[in-house]
């Protein structure tokens, strides 16, 4: 085998082995955003927030220092949700999004620790979960329990962390705009 072919084969083999390891080492995109949202909620003395995100809505329920529940979904009566946002009825908006939204578009993130979505839980720390139309994923680092390969688990984590980051950004922008 010539040198060029050997290098190509080695490169392809490395690309097949690296994805799960590389993804596991990537920092959480949502971590600094969750911290910022918590700070803003504390500053405004709020325990909930809601905002529009494209053709969907996002709502958050905040338990200082322990939990951030964030839901995103399409809402069947957008005018009603827009009114709740205008009236700053954020808790009501969160409740409606969590219970009366389109289940096919719904995503609920349980960020335990209010530290962003984590792929693996630290020792004696709570783990995060994401519920959406495809089911529930527990991000505790045990992908075999989720019946996924490590690569599939990390890809799901990456996608959920990206989406959660967008949800948090919408909430942060709405809070900053209200200031």
Foldseek 3Di string as FASTA:
>chain_A
DDPVVVVVVVVVVCVVPCQLVVLQPDDQPCQVLLVLLLVLCVVVVHQKFKFDDVQKIKMWGHDPQFKIKMKIAHAPDVVVLVVCNVVVVRVVSNVCRVPVGDQQGMKIKIDTRSRAAHQADDPPGAWIWMQGPVGIDTRHNPVVVVVDDSNVSSVVSVVVSVVVNSSSVRRSVSSVVVD
